[in-house]
Amino acid sequence: MAAVAVGAYCWFRPLPSVRLSTSLIGTTPGEAYALPFPAVGSSAVAVDGLGLVAGHGVDERFSTASLAKVILALCVLEKAPLTPGQQGPTFTLTTSDIEIYNRALSMNASTLGVINGERLTEYQTLQALMIPSADNIADSLARWIFGSHQSYVAYARAWLHAHHLDRTVLGGDASGLHVGTTSTARDLVNLGLIAMRNPVLASIASQRGATFPVVGYKTNYDTVLGQGGITGLKTGNNGSNHGAFLFTSTAQIRGHRVDIAGVILGQPDLATALAAAPAVMDAARRGLRVDTVAIAGQTVGRTVTRWGASTPATAAETLTVLRWIGAPVTVSVDAAGSWLIASTGTSSERVRLIAPEPARPSFWWRLFRR
């Protein structure tokens, strides 16, 4: 009876799992690739889907200057959304807005000339933020949409936290003129990628100028639009950070749009920051690759069993991965041997593996296996 029991146990116990053997598993190192960042200050580039790909001093804190207006614009568009073509509600300027304007003038800030009773749509106020970088409109808009500066700060802090921009601190105004609004290159490039996903804001940032009711046509401070593929986004300078530029672009990689954001902080002046950006973005666009790890139907390995059976494993679909030229690509297989996975940066792509059922083990192997 004991022999029968042992035999039954050996026969019915679960079979060991199948192991996938493939030569594709491993890491391909990145290539040496440097971007032409300015030697001073802090700079960074991030790619949608890959995260931060290059930079120096990326966690060093700088005053954002007018880059803070991107935060305000995104919070406004979340609180009072617009779709492309919409103007949104109209705001009538009052004596309080004239006081804000005069105070900004006295501080030698960037302003948009306004008069009591002037009417601006939400869309026009966003243009005023992004194109002539109007500090007075920023503070007026925060009050119009959120009720007070304090309410705006509370909303914006929650927004920043929700978007994992926790290195960014808001100061005493909505415009960024106050040196207490600070951030890092790491946070700001991610802010740029978020801004690109809003079609209204991205469209405004790409405009070379805009016309306003009282002052007429104003030119965008972003004088390098179109150079190096730059599509926007926001310039900045104040008494603490004399030259800051958050800039964006897109690249077409094998028919897929890829969003890219860069930032340059802490330059001697705004002109220096602007002049450096096109070469940085042009090099960043050239640094993107799509690697093909396996094509559909390709035999990528073999399933191997403890009892000696083996079958080919093929990729169900073509596996490609967007990569930064300087970053490694790691190819792996999940624990069950069902998926082929390619990972780089913060991106991971996978395809299912197809393998015929291996031959079952023999009676004697089941009976005498260890």
Protein backbone atom coordinates (compact mmCIF):
# COMPACT_ATOMS: atom_id res chain seq x y z
CA MET A 1 0.00 0.00 0.00
CA ALA A 2 2.85 2.37 0.79
CA ALA A 3 4.32 1.87 -2.67
CA VAL A 4 0.95 2.57 -4.28
CA ALA A 5 0.55 5.75 -2.24
CA VAL A 6 4.01 7.00 -3.17
CA GLY A 7 3.36 6.21 -6.81
CA ALA A 8 0.03 8.04 -6.77
CA TYR A 9 1.66 11.06 -5.14
CA CYS A 10 4.42 11.16 -7.76
CA TRP A 11 1.90 10.81 -10.59
CA PHE A 12 -0.57 13.45 -9.47
CA ARG A 13 1.67 16.17 -8.04
CA PRO A 14 1.81 19.35 -10.23
CA LEU A 15 4.32 19.47 -13.03
CA PRO A 16 7.16 22.00 -12.70
CA SER A 17 6.74 25.22 -14.61
CA VAL A 18 8.05 25.64 -18.14
CA ARG A 19 11.17 27.79 -18.54
CA LEU A 20 11.72 30.11 -21.50
CA SER A 21 15.23 30.25 -22.89
CA THR A 22 16.04 33.20 -25.18
CA SER A 23 19.21 34.96 -26.25
CA LEU A 24 17.32 38.29 -26.35
CA ILE A 25 17.33 38.68 -22.56
CA GLY A 26 19.86 41.25 -21.37
CA THR A 27 20.72 44.93 -21.45
CA THR A 28 22.00 46.93 -24.41
CA PRO A 29 23.93 49.94 -23.10
CA GLY A 30 23.24 53.44 -24.32
CA GLU A 31 25.66 55.43 -26.42
CA ALA A 32 27.64 58.42 -25.19
CA TYR A 33 25.57 61.44 -26.20
CA ALA A 34 25.84 64.95 -24.78
CA LEU A 35 23.44 67.83 -25.32
CA PRO A 36 24.88 71.35 -25.75
CA PHE A 37 23.57 72.69 -22.43
CA PRO A 38 24.95 76.01 -21.15
CA ALA A 39 27.84 75.54 -18.74
CA VAL A 40 26.19 77.65 -16.03
CA GLY A 41 22.81 77.31 -14.37
CA SER A 42 20.64 74.25 -14.67
CA SER A 43 19.19 72.51 -17.73
CA ALA A 44 17.14 69.44 -18.52
CA VAL A 45 15.28 67.62 -21.29
CA ALA A 46 12.38 65.20 -20.80
CA VAL A 47 10.54 63.03 -23.31
CA ASP A 48 6.94 61.95 -22.93
CA GLY A 49 6.96 58.29 -21.98
CA LEU A 50 10.67 58.26 -21.12
CA GLY A 51 10.87 60.92 -18.43
CA LEU A 52 14.02 62.93 -17.79
CA VAL A 53 16.65 61.91 -20.34
CA ALA A 54 19.42 64.48 -19.91
CA GLY A 55 20.40 67.42 -17.77
CA HIS A 56 22.70 68.89 -15.16
CA GLY A 57 21.82 70.45 -11.83
CA VAL A 58 18.30 69.13 -12.33
CA ASP A 59 17.42 69.30 -8.61
CA GLU A 60 18.96 72.70 -7.98
CA ARG A 61 16.31 75.22 -6.95
CA PHE A 62 15.80 78.42 -8.98
CA SER A 63 13.24 81.16 -8.97
CA THR A 64 10.86 80.32 -11.81
CA ALA A 65 10.20 83.93 -12.81
CA SER A 66 7.42 83.97 -15.43
CA LEU A 67 7.56 80.21 -15.99
CA ALA A 68 5.10 80.24 -13.06
CA LYS A 69 2.47 81.52 -15.49
CA VAL A 70 2.33 78.05 -17.06
CA ILE A 71 1.14 76.71 -13.69
CA LEU A 72 -1.49 79.45 -13.49
CA ALA A 73 -2.67 78.81 -17.06
CA LEU A 74 -3.05 75.07 -16.48
CA CYS A 75 -4.92 75.61 -13.22
CA VAL A 76 -7.25 78.11 -14.92
CA LEU A 77 -7.90 75.68 -17.77
CA GLU A 78 -8.69 72.94 -15.28
CA LYS A 79 -11.03 75.19 -13.28
CA ALA A 80 -12.60 76.85 -16.33
CA PRO A 81 -11.89 74.54 -19.31
CA LEU A 82 -11.78 75.76 -22.90
CA THR A 83 -11.80 73.74 -26.08
CA PRO A 84 -10.03 74.95 -29.23
CA GLY A 85 -11.96 77.83 -30.76
CA GLN A 86 -13.72 78.86 -27.53
CA GLN A 87 -13.19 82.29 -25.95
CA GLY A 88 -14.76 81.46 -22.60
CA PRO A 89 -16.27 83.98 -20.17
CA THR A 90 -15.57 87.70 -20.42
CA PHE A 91 -14.03 89.64 -17.54
CA THR A 92 -14.51 93.38 -17.01
CA LEU A 93 -11.54 95.21 -15.55
CA THR A 94 -12.18 97.35 -12.47
CA THR A 95 -10.23 99.84 -10.40
CA SER A 96 -8.70 96.89 -8.53
CA ASP A 97 -7.19 95.64 -11.79
CA ILE A 98 -5.88 99.11 -12.58
CA GLU A 99 -4.20 99.15 -9.16
CA ILE A 100 -2.60 95.78 -9.91
CA TYR A 101 -1.40 97.17 -13.26
CA ASN A 102 0.08 100.33 -11.69
CA ARG A 103 1.82 98.30 -9.00
CA ALA A 104 3.37 96.07 -11.67
CA LEU A 105 4.51 99.13 -13.60
CA SER A 106 6.20 100.53 -10.51
CA MET A 107 8.14 97.26 -10.17
CA ASN A 108 9.31 97.39 -13.80
CA ALA A 109 7.40 94.18 -14.48
CA SER A 110 6.10 92.86 -17.79
CA THR A 111 2.62 94.28 -18.23
CA LEU A 112 -0.33 94.53 -20.57
CA GLY A 113 -1.74 98.05 -20.66
CA VAL A 114 -5.35 98.11 -19.45
CA ILE A 115 -8.10 100.62 -18.72
CA ASN A 116 -11.03 100.64 -16.34
CA GLY A 117 -14.03 98.91 -17.94
CA GLU A 118 -11.96 97.04 -20.54
CA ARG A 119 -13.29 93.55 -21.32
CA LEU A 120 -11.09 90.51 -21.89
CA THR A 121 -12.17 86.95 -22.58
CA GLU A 122 -10.58 84.04 -20.74
CA TYR A 123 -8.76 83.13 -23.95
CA GLN A 124 -7.33 86.65 -24.26
CA THR A 125 -6.12 86.59 -20.66
CA LEU A 126 -4.28 83.33 -21.38
CA GLN A 127 -2.73 84.94 -24.44
CA ALA A 128 -1.68 87.85 -22.21
CA LEU A 129 0.05 85.42 -19.85
CA MET A 130 1.92 83.47 -22.48
CA ILE A 131 2.77 86.05 -25.16
CA PRO A 132 3.63 89.44 -23.60
CA SER A 133 4.00 87.71 -20.19
CA ALA A 134 1.72 90.21 -18.46
CA ASP A 135 2.31 90.08 -14.71
CA ASN A 136 -0.70 92.28 -14.00
CA ILE A 137 -3.06 90.02 -15.95
CA ALA A 138 -1.69 86.99 -14.08
CA ASP A 139 -2.63 88.46 -10.71
CA SER A 140 -6.00 89.70 -11.99
CA LEU A 141 -6.79 86.33 -13.59
CA ALA A 142 -6.00 84.44 -10.38
CA ARG A 143 -8.48 86.69 -8.55
CA TRP A 144 -11.15 86.39 -11.25
CA ILE A 145 -11.04 82.60 -11.44
CA PHE A 146 -10.24 81.62 -7.85
CA GLY A 147 -11.58 84.58 -5.85
CA SER A 148 -8.30 85.56 -4.19
CA HIS A 149 -4.58 84.95 -4.38
CA GLN A 150 -4.78 82.72 -1.30
CA SER A 151 -7.43 80.54 -2.93
CA TYR A 152 -5.36 80.30 -6.08
CA VAL A 153 -2.28 79.21 -4.11
CA ALA A 154 -4.28 76.51 -2.33
CA TYR A 155 -5.67 75.24 -5.64
CA ALA A 156 -2.29 75.36 -7.37
CA ARG A 157 -0.52 73.54 -4.54
CA ALA A 158 -3.05 70.73 -4.78
CA TRP A 159 -2.65 70.70 -8.57
CA LEU A 160 1.14 70.52 -8.30
CA HIS A 161 0.94 67.66 -5.82
CA ALA A 162 -1.53 65.76 -8.00
CA HIS A 163 0.94 66.03 -10.90
CA HIS A 164 3.95 64.99 -8.76
CA LEU A 165 5.58 68.42 -9.06
CA ASP A 166 6.41 68.55 -5.36
CA ARG A 167 9.72 70.40 -5.78
CA THR A 168 7.81 73.51 -6.89
CA VAL A 169 6.96 76.19 -4.31
CA LEU A 170 4.59 79.13 -4.91
CA GLY A 171 5.48 82.62 -3.70
CA GLY A 172 3.60 85.84 -3.15
CA ASP A 173 2.06 86.35 -6.58
CA ALA A 174 0.62 84.38 -9.49
CA SER A 175 2.98 85.83 -12.08
CA GLY A 176 6.34 84.55 -10.84
CA LEU A 177 7.76 88.04 -10.42
CA HIS A 178 8.09 87.25 -6.72
CA VAL A 179 11.40 85.44 -6.19
CA GLY A 180 9.74 83.09 -3.69
CA THR A 181 8.18 81.02 -6.48
CA THR A 182 10.84 78.38 -7.04
CA SER A 183 11.24 75.06 -8.82
CA THR A 184 13.79 72.72 -10.34
CA ALA A 185 14.65 71.76 -13.88
CA ARG A 186 13.31 68.25 -13.16
CA ASP A 187 9.86 69.61 -12.23
CA LEU A 188 9.75 72.21 -14.97
CA VAL A 189 10.38 69.85 -17.90
CA ASN A 190 7.55 67.68 -16.61
CA LEU A 191 5.40 70.81 -16.38
CA GLY A 192 6.24 71.48 -20.02
CA LEU A 193 5.08 68.01 -21.05
CA ILE A 194 1.81 68.52 -19.16
CA ALA A 195 1.28 71.85 -20.92
CA MET A 196 1.76 70.21 -24.32
CA ARG A 197 -1.19 67.92 -23.64
CA ASN A 198 -3.55 70.90 -23.37
CA PRO A 199 -4.38 71.89 -26.96
CA VAL A 200 -5.55 75.40 -26.04
CA LEU A 201 -2.42 76.29 -24.09
CA ALA A 202 -0.09 74.63 -26.60
CA SER A 203 -1.72 76.59 -29.43
CA ILE A 204 -1.38 79.91 -27.60
CA ALA A 205 2.27 79.22 -26.77
CA SER A 206 3.00 78.67 -30.45
CA GLN A 207 1.63 82.08 -31.52
CA ARG A 208 4.13 84.74 -32.56
CA GLY A 209 1.87 87.50 -31.29
CA ALA A 210 -1.67 88.49 -30.35
CA THR A 211 -3.92 91.53 -30.59
CA PHE A 212 -5.59 93.00 -27.48
CA PRO A 213 -8.47 95.51 -27.24
CA VAL A 214 -6.55 98.51 -25.85
CA VAL A 215 -2.85 98.06 -26.59
CA GLY A 216 -3.18 96.31 -29.93
CA TYR A 217 -0.63 93.77 -31.20
CA LYS A 218 1.98 92.37 -28.82
CA THR A 219 4.89 90.15 -29.89
CA ASN A 220 5.76 86.90 -28.16
CA TYR A 221 8.86 87.10 -25.97
CA ASP A 222 9.72 83.65 -27.29
CA THR A 223 11.78 84.88 -30.23
CA VAL A 224 13.10 81.43 -31.20
CA LEU A 225 9.77 79.84 -32.15
CA GLY A 226 10.35 77.45 -35.05
CA GLN A 227 14.11 77.25 -34.54
CA GLY A 228 15.37 73.77 -33.71
CA GLY A 229 11.76 72.61 -33.94
CA ILE A 230 10.70 74.71 -30.92
CA THR A 231 6.89 75.06 -30.66
CA GLY A 232 6.65 77.15 -27.44
CA LEU A 233 6.49 77.61 -24.39
CA LYS A 234 7.44 80.33 -21.84
CA THR A 235 10.22 82.77 -21.11
CA GLY A 236 11.07 84.18 -17.70
CA ASN A 237 13.38 86.55 -15.89
CA ASN A 238 13.34 88.35 -12.55
CA GLY A 239 15.80 89.70 -10.01
CA SER A 240 16.86 86.21 -8.92
CA ASN A 241 16.81 84.31 -12.21
CA HIS A 242 17.89 86.60 -15.04
CA GLY A 243 17.39 84.10 -17.86
CA ALA A 244 14.93 81.19 -17.90
CA PHE A 245 13.25 79.43 -20.80
CA LEU A 246 10.89 76.46 -20.81
CA PHE A 247 10.58 75.18 -24.37
CA THR A 248 8.80 72.37 -26.20
CA SER A 249 8.91 70.44 -29.44
CA THR A 250 7.58 67.33 -31.12
CA ALA A 251 9.36 64.65 -33.11
CA GLN A 252 7.91 62.16 -35.59
CA ILE A 253 9.47 58.78 -34.87
CA ARG A 254 8.26 56.07 -37.27
CA GLY A 255 4.96 57.84 -37.69
CA HIS A 256 4.39 58.44 -33.98
CA ARG A 257 4.34 61.89 -32.39
CA VAL A 258 6.72 62.24 -29.44
CA ASP A 259 6.53 65.28 -27.14
CA ILE A 260 9.76 66.80 -25.82
CA ALA A 261 10.28 69.54 -23.23
CA GLY A 262 13.47 71.33 -22.25
CA VAL A 263 14.35 74.02 -19.75
CA ILE A 264 17.31 76.32 -19.24
CA LEU A 265 17.61 78.21 -15.93
CA GLY A 266 19.97 80.64 -14.27
CA GLN A 267 21.44 82.32 -17.35
CA PRO A 268 22.98 85.81 -17.27
CA ASP A 269 19.99 87.17 -19.22
CA LEU A 270 16.95 86.02 -21.17
CA ALA A 271 18.68 86.43 -24.53
CA THR A 272 21.34 83.89 -23.50
CA ALA A 273 18.72 81.34 -22.45
CA LEU A 274 16.80 81.80 -25.70
CA ALA A 275 19.91 81.55 -27.86
CA ALA A 276 20.95 78.24 -26.29
CA ALA A 277 17.60 76.49 -26.65
CA PRO A 278 17.37 75.67 -30.40
CA ALA A 279 20.64 73.72 -30.43
CA VAL A 280 19.60 71.82 -27.30
CA MET A 281 16.22 70.89 -28.77
CA ASP A 282 17.64 70.00 -32.17
CA ALA A 283 20.14 67.64 -30.54
CA ALA A 284 17.41 66.20 -28.31
CA ARG A 285 15.24 65.37 -31.32
CA ARG A 286 18.20 63.61 -32.97
CA GLY A 287 18.76 61.60 -29.79
CA LEU A 288 15.51 59.65 -30.07
CA ARG A 289 15.43 56.17 -31.54
CA VAL A 290 12.94 53.35 -32.02
CA ASP A 291 14.52 49.94 -31.54
CA THR A 292 12.88 46.81 -32.93
CA VAL A 293 13.38 44.02 -30.41
CA ALA A 294 11.41 41.33 -32.25
CA ILE A 295 9.11 41.16 -35.25
CA ALA A 296 5.75 39.40 -35.37
CA GLY A 297 6.19 35.66 -35.88
CA GLN A 298 9.90 35.73 -35.08
CA THR A 299 11.21 32.79 -33.07
CA VAL A 300 12.69 34.47 -30.01
CA GLY A 301 13.51 31.42 -27.89
CA ARG A 302 12.43 27.99 -26.75
CA THR A 303 10.35 26.73 -23.90
CA VAL A 304 12.24 24.08 -21.99
CA THR A 305 10.79 21.59 -19.52
CA ARG A 306 12.38 19.63 -16.72
CA TRP A 307 11.51 16.41 -18.52
CA GLY A 308 13.40 17.42 -21.69
CA ALA A 309 10.58 18.56 -23.99
CA SER A 310 11.20 21.78 -25.94
CA THR A 311 9.11 23.95 -28.28
CA PRO A 312 9.86 27.21 -30.15
CA ALA A 313 8.45 30.48 -28.76
CA THR A 314 7.47 33.24 -31.19
CA ALA A 315 6.46 36.89 -30.77
CA ALA A 316 2.73 37.42 -31.32
CA GLU A 317 3.36 41.01 -32.50
CA THR A 318 6.29 43.23 -33.39
CA LEU A 319 7.95 44.63 -30.27
CA THR A 320 9.43 48.12 -30.62
CA VAL A 321 10.55 50.52 -27.95
CA LEU A 322 11.12 54.27 -28.06
CA ARG A 323 14.49 54.97 -26.53
CA TRP A 324 16.86 57.79 -25.74
CA ILE A 325 20.19 57.18 -27.43
CA GLY A 326 22.07 57.53 -24.15
CA ALA A 327 19.83 55.16 -22.19
CA PRO A 328 20.12 51.36 -21.96
CA VAL A 329 17.37 49.02 -23.15
CA THR A 330 16.66 45.94 -21.05
CA VAL A 331 14.88 42.92 -22.53
CA SER A 332 13.30 40.46 -20.12
CA VAL A 333 10.60 37.82 -19.83
CA ASP A 334 7.92 37.77 -17.16
CA ALA A 335 7.98 35.07 -14.48
CA ALA A 336 5.41 32.93 -16.31
CA GLY A 337 7.32 33.11 -19.59
CA SER A 338 4.27 34.58 -21.32
CA TRP A 339 5.50 38.07 -22.24
CA LEU A 340 8.62 39.52 -23.84
CA ILE A 341 9.30 42.92 -22.26
CA ALA A 342 11.53 45.80 -23.40
CA SER A 343 12.20 48.59 -20.89
CA THR A 344 14.07 51.89 -21.07
CA GLY A 345 13.81 54.94 -18.88
CA THR A 346 10.28 55.05 -17.50
CA SER A 347 8.88 53.26 -20.57
CA SER A 348 8.07 49.58 -20.92
CA GLU A 349 6.59 47.74 -23.91
CA ARG A 350 5.58 44.08 -24.13
CA VAL A 351 4.26 41.47 -26.54
CA ARG A 352 2.75 38.06 -25.82
CA LEU A 353 4.81 34.98 -26.55
CA ILE A 354 3.25 32.04 -28.38
CA ALA A 355 4.54 28.52 -27.82
CA PRO A 356 2.90 25.15 -28.57
CA GLU A 357 2.07 22.97 -25.60
CA PRO A 358 5.17 20.88 -24.89
CA ALA A 359 4.98 17.10 -24.99
CA ARG A 360 3.78 15.61 -21.73
CA PRO A 361 6.28 13.75 -19.56
CA SER A 362 6.46 9.98 -19.68
CA PHE A 363 4.96 7.68 -17.06
CA TRP A 364 8.44 6.74 -15.81
CA TRP A 365 9.57 10.39 -15.53
CA ARG A 366 6.48 11.25 -13.49
CA LEU A 367 7.01 8.23 -11.29
CA PHE A 368 10.70 8.64 -10.55
CA ARG A 369 11.28 12.43 -10.77
CA ARG A 370 12.93 14.08 -7.82
